[in-house]
Amino acid sequence: MADTTQATHHVTQEGAHDAGASPELAPVMKVTRAKATTSAARPAEMAIQQGGVELVEADSVSVTQGGVTTVNARHVEVRQGGIANAQAEDIKVTMGGVALARADRVHVEMGGLGVAIGREAQVTQGIARSIVAKEVRVDQGLVGTAIAGKVSFERPSPVFLLIAGRTDGPVKAMFDWRGALAFGALFGLVAGILRRR
């Protein structure tokens, strides 16, 4: 018990110093970070609200108007918050963002993804820079690069680069795999000419 108290005190000072947190945010950080870093077994549930946390490991993690650097969990839900690196079975983002999402299933609604790697990914009225998955569904979303076995579009959605074994629905792709090869060849040719000069 003494170890837990010391760890809690240490985490509070570190959290306030690292995140530049105001005094009113320190109690939230103290509770969440102490649970995340001092428990021998992973906690069942973890809720982060309006605070900054570096590492969270739990079965279920909920982030609301807060930020987390790294999350390792079974289920992750983000509402108006952000995560830099999330690894889970299920990741659901609503009006928030995840920079790197690695999960079996990733669902983004009115939010953003940097890179998503998984078995299933769904973007609904959101933005994803890159998706690598077995199956991707897009509903009025904007996707930079999608590499998947199957991509389904519910409503017209723009994609910059699309590489898929099968595509269903209305899609506006700037490049498919043929276009990407042609663009790469042209870029290599121009770069070679410019190097000689």
C-alpha atoms as a PDB file:
ATOM      1  CA  MET A   1       0.000   0.000   0.000  1.00  0.00           C
ATOM      2  CA  ALA A   2       2.904   2.314   0.761  1.00  0.00           C
ATOM      3  CA  ASP A   3       4.305   1.723  -2.724  1.00  0.00           C
ATOM      4  CA  THR A   4       1.018   2.713  -4.336  1.00  0.00           C
ATOM      5  CA  THR A   5       0.878   5.975  -2.356  1.00  0.00           C
ATOM      6  CA  GLN A   6       4.421   6.888  -3.361  1.00  0.00           C
ATOM      7  CA  ALA A   7       3.726   6.061  -6.991  1.00  0.00           C
ATOM      8  CA  THR A   8       0.560   8.145  -6.952  1.00  0.00           C
ATOM      9  CA  HIS A   9       2.401  11.135  -5.510  1.00  0.00           C
ATOM     10  CA  HIS A  10       5.217  10.745  -8.070  1.00  0.00           C
ATOM     11  CA  VAL A  11       2.791  10.455 -10.992  1.00  0.00           C
ATOM     12  CA  THR A  12       0.898  13.584  -9.941  1.00  0.00           C
ATOM     13  CA  GLN A  13       4.051  15.696  -9.856  1.00  0.00           C
ATOM     14  CA  GLU A  14       5.304  14.240 -13.132  1.00  0.00           C
ATOM     15  CA  GLY A  15       1.919  14.697 -14.824  1.00  0.00           C
ATOM     16  CA  ALA A  16       1.585  18.322 -13.760  1.00  0.00           C
ATOM     17  CA  HIS A  17       5.148  19.069 -14.859  1.00  0.00           C
ATOM     18  CA  ASP A  18       5.124  17.167 -18.186  1.00  0.00           C
ATOM     19  CA  ALA A  19       1.751  18.269 -19.463  1.00  0.00           C
ATOM     20  CA  GLY A  20       1.949  21.785 -18.029  1.00  0.00           C
ATOM     21  CA  ALA A  21      -1.389  21.043 -16.431  1.00  0.00           C
ATOM     22  CA  SER A  22      -3.339  23.549 -14.425  1.00  0.00           C
ATOM     23  CA  PRO A  23      -4.101  22.681 -10.772  1.00  0.00           C
ATOM     24  CA  GLU A  24      -7.727  21.836 -11.566  1.00  0.00           C
ATOM     25  CA  LEU A  25      -6.604  19.109 -14.031  1.00  0.00           C
ATOM     26  CA  ALA A  26      -4.084  17.515 -11.671  1.00  0.00           C
ATOM     27  CA  PRO A  27      -6.650  15.414  -9.721  1.00  0.00           C
ATOM     28  CA  VAL A  28      -7.963  13.861 -12.937  1.00  0.00           C
ATOM     29  CA  MET A  29      -4.442  13.057 -14.060  1.00  0.00           C
ATOM     30  CA  LYS A  30      -3.580  11.677 -10.599  1.00  0.00           C
ATOM     31  CA  VAL A  31      -6.478   9.224 -10.608  1.00  0.00           C
ATOM     32  CA  THR A  32      -6.111   7.999 -14.167  1.00  0.00           C
ATOM     33  CA  ARG A  33      -2.324   7.790 -14.282  1.00  0.00           C
ATOM     34  CA  ALA A  34      -2.029   6.100 -10.898  1.00  0.00           C
ATOM     35  CA  LYS A  35      -4.438   3.382 -11.952  1.00  0.00           C
ATOM     36  CA  ALA A  36      -2.746   2.976 -15.297  1.00  0.00           C
ATOM     37  CA  THR A  37       0.803   2.652 -14.006  1.00  0.00           C
ATOM     38  CA  THR A  38       0.728   1.158 -10.482  1.00  0.00           C
ATOM     39  CA  SER A  39      -1.696  -1.755 -10.724  1.00  0.00           C
ATOM     40  CA  ALA A  40      -0.102  -5.183 -11.147  1.00  0.00           C
ATOM     41  CA  ALA A  41      -3.108  -6.465 -13.138  1.00  0.00           C
ATOM     42  CA  ARG A  42      -4.726  -4.442 -15.913  1.00  0.00           C
ATOM     43  CA  PRO A  43      -7.821  -2.587 -14.703  1.00  0.00           C
ATOM     44  CA  ALA A  44     -11.134  -3.513 -16.307  1.00  0.00           C
ATOM     45  CA  GLU A  45     -12.120   0.046 -17.226  1.00  0.00           C
ATOM     46  CA  MET A  46     -10.300   3.346 -17.519  1.00  0.00           C
ATOM     47  CA  ALA A  47     -11.890   6.751 -18.187  1.00  0.00           C
ATOM     48  CA  ILE A  48      -9.806   9.789 -19.098  1.00  0.00           C
ATOM     49  CA  GLN A  49     -11.587  13.144 -19.093  1.00  0.00           C
ATOM     50  CA  GLN A  50     -10.026  16.516 -19.846  1.00  0.00           C
ATOM     51  CA  GLY A  51      -6.518  15.475 -18.966  1.00  0.00           C
ATOM     52  CA  GLY A  52      -3.271  14.422 -20.561  1.00  0.00           C
ATOM     53  CA  VAL A  53      -1.935  10.909 -19.976  1.00  0.00           C
ATOM     54  CA  GLU A  54       1.125   9.214 -21.431  1.00  0.00           C
ATOM     55  CA  LEU A  55       0.324   5.500 -21.095  1.00  0.00           C
ATOM     56  CA  VAL A  56      -2.926   3.656 -20.431  1.00  0.00           C
ATOM     57  CA  GLU A  57      -3.340  -0.115 -20.280  1.00  0.00           C
ATOM     58  CA  ALA A  58      -6.774  -1.546 -19.499  1.00  0.00           C
ATOM     59  CA  ASP A  59      -9.418  -3.853 -20.917  1.00  0.00           C
ATOM     60  CA  SER A  60     -11.683  -0.929 -21.823  1.00  0.00           C
ATOM     61  CA  VAL A  61     -10.510   2.678 -22.264  1.00  0.00           C
ATOM     62  CA  SER A  62     -12.739   5.720 -22.735  1.00  0.00           C
ATOM     63  CA  VAL A  63     -11.241   9.107 -23.669  1.00  0.00           C
ATOM     64  CA  THR A  64     -13.537  12.150 -23.530  1.00  0.00           C
ATOM     65  CA  GLN A  65     -12.077  15.583 -24.303  1.00  0.00           C
ATOM     66  CA  GLY A  66      -8.690  14.318 -23.222  1.00  0.00           C
ATOM     67  CA  GLY A  67      -5.447  13.192 -24.755  1.00  0.00           C
ATOM     68  CA  VAL A  68      -3.394  10.022 -24.445  1.00  0.00           C
ATOM     69  CA  THR A  69      -0.011   9.255 -25.965  1.00  0.00           C
ATOM     70  CA  THR A  70      -0.229   5.443 -25.947  1.00  0.00           C
ATOM     71  CA  VAL A  71      -3.187   3.129 -25.317  1.00  0.00           C
ATOM     72  CA  ASN A  72      -3.057  -0.663 -25.128  1.00  0.00           C
ATOM     73  CA  ALA A  73      -6.498  -2.173 -24.540  1.00  0.00           C
ATOM     74  CA  ARG A  74      -9.187  -4.503 -25.843  1.00  0.00           C
ATOM     75  CA  HIS A  75     -11.773  -1.772 -26.448  1.00  0.00           C
ATOM     76  CA  VAL A  76     -11.056   1.924 -27.004  1.00  0.00           C
ATOM     77  CA  GLU A  77     -13.619   4.689 -27.389  1.00  0.00           C
ATOM     78  CA  VAL A  78     -12.667   8.298 -28.139  1.00  0.00           C
ATOM     79  CA  ARG A  79     -15.145  11.206 -28.001  1.00  0.00           C
ATOM     80  CA  GLN A  80     -13.812  14.669 -28.772  1.00  0.00           C
ATOM     81  CA  GLY A  81     -10.367  13.567 -27.689  1.00  0.00           C
ATOM     82  CA  GLY A  82      -7.179  12.253 -29.205  1.00  0.00           C
ATOM     83  CA  ILE A  83      -4.749   9.355 -29.030  1.00  0.00           C
ATOM     84  CA  ALA A  84      -1.307   9.280 -30.629  1.00  0.00           C
ATOM     85  CA  ASN A  85      -0.871   5.483 -30.689  1.00  0.00           C
ATOM     86  CA  ALA A  86      -3.697   3.022 -29.990  1.00  0.00           C
ATOM     87  CA  GLN A  87      -3.558  -0.773 -30.121  1.00  0.00           C
ATOM     88  CA  ALA A  88      -6.762  -2.694 -29.413  1.00  0.00           C
ATOM     89  CA  GLU A  89      -9.317  -5.161 -30.709  1.00  0.00           C
ATOM     90  CA  ASP A  90     -11.926  -2.430 -31.267  1.00  0.00           C
ATOM     91  CA  ILE A  91     -11.315   1.294 -31.701  1.00  0.00           C
ATOM     92  CA  LYS A  92     -14.254   3.682 -32.064  1.00  0.00           C
ATOM     93  CA  VAL A  93     -13.662   7.392 -32.664  1.00  0.00           C
ATOM     94  CA  THR A  94     -16.424  10.018 -32.627  1.00  0.00           C
ATOM     95  CA  MET A  95     -15.470  13.644 -33.303  1.00  0.00           C
ATOM     96  CA  GLY A  96     -11.907  12.901 -32.245  1.00  0.00           C
ATOM     97  CA  GLY A  97      -8.704  11.580 -33.725  1.00  0.00           C
ATOM     98  CA  VAL A  98      -6.132   8.796 -33.591  1.00  0.00           C
ATOM     99  CA  ALA A  99      -2.732   9.204 -35.241  1.00  0.00           C
ATOM    100  CA  LEU A 100      -1.886   5.466 -35.407  1.00  0.00           C
ATOM    101  CA  ALA A 101      -4.645   2.896 -34.884  1.00  0.00           C
ATOM    102  CA  ARG A 102      -3.820  -0.814 -34.905  1.00  0.00           C
ATOM    103  CA  ALA A 103      -6.904  -2.901 -34.264  1.00  0.00           C
ATOM    104  CA  ASP A 104      -9.057  -5.715 -35.499  1.00  0.00           C
ATOM    105  CA  ARG A 105     -11.880  -3.206 -36.095  1.00  0.00           C
ATOM    106  CA  VAL A 106     -11.568   0.583 -36.454  1.00  0.00           C
ATOM    107  CA  HIS A 107     -14.613   2.849 -36.790  1.00  0.00           C
ATOM    108  CA  VAL A 108     -14.381   6.618 -37.239  1.00  0.00           C
ATOM    109  CA  GLU A 109     -17.406   8.903 -37.336  1.00  0.00           C
ATOM    110  CA  MET A 110     -16.928  12.641 -37.918  1.00  0.00           C
ATOM    111  CA  GLY A 111     -13.321  12.239 -36.810  1.00  0.00           C
ATOM    112  CA  GLY A 112      -9.860  11.651 -38.185  1.00  0.00           C
ATOM    113  CA  LEU A 113      -7.308   8.878 -38.585  1.00  0.00           C
ATOM    114  CA  GLY A 114      -3.658   9.213 -39.459  1.00  0.00           C
ATOM    115  CA  VAL A 115      -2.898   5.570 -40.206  1.00  0.00           C
ATOM    116  CA  ALA A 116      -5.234   2.629 -39.551  1.00  0.00           C
ATOM    117  CA  ILE A 117      -4.050  -0.972 -39.769  1.00  0.00           C
ATOM    118  CA  GLY A 118      -6.515  -3.763 -39.138  1.00  0.00           C
ATOM    119  CA  ARG A 119      -8.961  -6.333 -40.420  1.00  0.00           C
ATOM    120  CA  GLU A 120     -11.962  -3.992 -40.764  1.00  0.00           C
ATOM    121  CA  ALA A 121     -12.026  -0.198 -41.042  1.00  0.00           C
ATOM    122  CA  GLN A 122     -15.011   2.084 -41.433  1.00  0.00           C
ATOM    123  CA  VAL A 123     -14.989   5.842 -42.055  1.00  0.00           C
ATOM    124  CA  THR A 124     -18.302   7.705 -41.762  1.00  0.00           C
ATOM    125  CA  GLN A 125     -18.179  11.426 -42.550  1.00  0.00           C
ATOM    126  CA  GLY A 126     -14.573  11.466 -41.456  1.00  0.00           C
ATOM    127  CA  ILE A 127     -11.047  11.680 -42.803  1.00  0.00           C
ATOM    128  CA  ALA A 128      -8.362   8.999 -42.982  1.00  0.00           C
ATOM    129  CA  ARG A 129      -4.896   9.593 -44.340  1.00  0.00           C
ATOM    130  CA  SER A 130      -3.974   5.911 -44.847  1.00  0.00           C
ATOM    131  CA  ILE A 131      -5.867   2.666 -44.307  1.00  0.00           C
ATOM    132  CA  VAL A 132      -4.455  -0.842 -44.668  1.00  0.00           C
ATOM    133  CA  ALA A 133      -7.121  -3.461 -43.972  1.00  0.00           C
ATOM    134  CA  LYS A 134      -8.784  -6.584 -45.266  1.00  0.00           C
ATOM    135  CA  GLU A 135     -12.128  -4.798 -45.602  1.00  0.00           C
ATOM    136  CA  VAL A 136     -12.829  -1.041 -45.732  1.00  0.00           C
ATOM    137  CA  ARG A 137     -16.196   0.752 -45.740  1.00  0.00           C
ATOM    138  CA  VAL A 138     -16.446   4.459 -46.511  1.00  0.00           C
ATOM    139  CA  ASP A 139     -19.602   6.554 -46.149  1.00  0.00           C
ATOM    140  CA  GLN A 140     -19.082  10.177 -47.196  1.00  0.00           C
ATOM    141  CA  GLY A 141     -15.510  10.128 -46.030  1.00  0.00           C
ATOM    142  CA  LEU A 142     -12.232  11.410 -47.413  1.00  0.00           C
ATOM    143  CA  VAL A 143      -9.407   8.875 -47.697  1.00  0.00           C
ATOM    144  CA  GLY A 144      -5.838   9.554 -48.793  1.00  0.00           C
ATOM    145  CA  THR A 145      -4.633   6.000 -49.413  1.00  0.00           C
ATOM    146  CA  ALA A 146      -6.630   2.781 -49.066  1.00  0.00           C
ATOM    147  CA  ILE A 147      -4.996  -0.628 -49.492  1.00  0.00           C
ATOM    148  CA  ALA A 148      -7.478  -3.424 -48.924  1.00  0.00           C
ATOM    149  CA  GLY A 149      -8.895  -6.700 -50.160  1.00  0.00           C
ATOM    150  CA  LYS A 150     -12.360  -5.153 -50.482  1.00  0.00           C
ATOM    151  CA  VAL A 151     -13.474  -1.518 -50.361  1.00  0.00           C
ATOM    152  CA  SER A 152     -17.169  -0.553 -50.206  1.00  0.00           C
ATOM    153  CA  PHE A 153     -18.473   2.973 -50.708  1.00  0.00           C
ATOM    154  CA  GLU A 154     -21.969   3.726 -49.412  1.00  0.00           C
ATOM    155  CA  ARG A 155     -22.119   7.214 -50.941  1.00  0.00           C
ATOM    156  CA  PRO A 156     -19.719   9.099 -53.231  1.00  0.00           C
ATOM    157  CA  SER A 157     -16.405   9.530 -51.430  1.00  0.00           C
ATOM    158  CA  PRO A 158     -13.063  10.762 -52.771  1.00  0.00           C
ATOM    159  CA  VAL A 159      -9.914   8.632 -52.481  1.00  0.00           C
ATOM    160  CA  PHE A 160      -6.487   9.775 -53.633  1.00  0.00           C
ATOM    161  CA  LEU A 161      -4.878   6.339 -54.081  1.00  0.00           C
ATOM    162  CA  LEU A 162      -6.916   3.130 -54.097  1.00  0.00           C
ATOM    163  CA  ILE A 163      -5.417  -0.348 -54.274  1.00  0.00           C
ATOM    164  CA  ALA A 164      -8.087  -2.998 -53.738  1.00  0.00           C
ATOM    165  CA  GLY A 165      -8.889  -6.503 -54.870  1.00  0.00           C
ATOM    166  CA  ARG A 166     -12.566  -5.566 -55.145  1.00  0.00           C
ATOM    167  CA  THR A 167     -14.422  -2.234 -55.090  1.00  0.00           C
ATOM    168  CA  ASP A 168     -18.165  -1.674 -54.597  1.00  0.00           C
ATOM    169  CA  GLY A 169     -20.177   1.525 -54.816  1.00  0.00           C
ATOM    170  CA  PRO A 170     -19.545   5.044 -56.109  1.00  0.00           C
ATOM    171  CA  VAL A 171     -15.907   6.021 -55.699  1.00  0.00           C
ATOM    172  CA  LYS A 172     -13.916   8.993 -56.967  1.00  0.00           C
ATOM    173  CA  ALA A 173     -10.344   7.696 -57.049  1.00  0.00           C
ATOM    174  CA  MET A 174      -7.625  10.005 -58.374  1.00  0.00           C
ATOM    175  CA  PHE A 175      -5.302   7.017 -58.814  1.00  0.00           C
ATOM    176  CA  ASP A 176      -5.918   3.292 -58.946  1.00  0.00           C
ATOM    177  CA  TRP A 177      -2.996   0.856 -59.015  1.00  0.00           C
ATOM    178  CA  ARG A 178      -2.414   1.461 -62.739  1.00  0.00           C
ATOM    179  CA  GLY A 179      -2.424   5.213 -62.269  1.00  0.00           C
ATOM    180  CA  ALA A 180      -0.077   4.897 -59.303  1.00  0.00           C
ATOM    181  CA  LEU A 181       2.406   2.890 -61.405  1.00  0.00           C
ATOM    182  CA  ALA A 182       2.237   5.429 -64.238  1.00  0.00           C
ATOM    183  CA  PHE A 183       2.654   8.314 -61.798  1.00  0.00           C
ATOM    184  CA  GLY A 184       5.624   6.592 -60.138  1.00  0.00           C
ATOM    185  CA  ALA A 185       7.296   5.951 -63.505  1.00  0.00           C
ATOM    186  CA  LEU A 186       6.765   9.546 -64.611  1.00  0.00           C
ATOM    187  CA  PHE A 187       8.035  10.891 -61.292  1.00  0.00           C
ATOM    188  CA  GLY A 188      11.161   8.700 -61.545  1.00  0.00           C
ATOM    189  CA  LEU A 189      11.821   9.895 -65.098  1.00  0.00           C
ATOM    190  CA  VAL A 190      11.492  13.574 -64.170  1.00  0.00           C
ATOM    191  CA  ALA A 191      13.630  13.129 -61.051  1.00  0.00           C
ATOM    192  CA  GLY A 192      16.340  11.409 -63.139  1.00  0.00           C
ATOM    193  CA  ILE A 193      16.397  14.255 -65.687  1.00  0.00           C
ATOM    194  CA  LEU A 194      16.595  16.897 -62.984  1.00  0.00           C
ATOM    195  CA  ARG A 195      19.492  15.085 -61.283  1.00  0.00           C
ATOM    196  CA  ARG A 196      21.550  15.087 -64.483  1.00  0.00           C
ATOM    197  CA  ARG A 197      21.154  18.863 -64.817  1.00  0.00           C
END
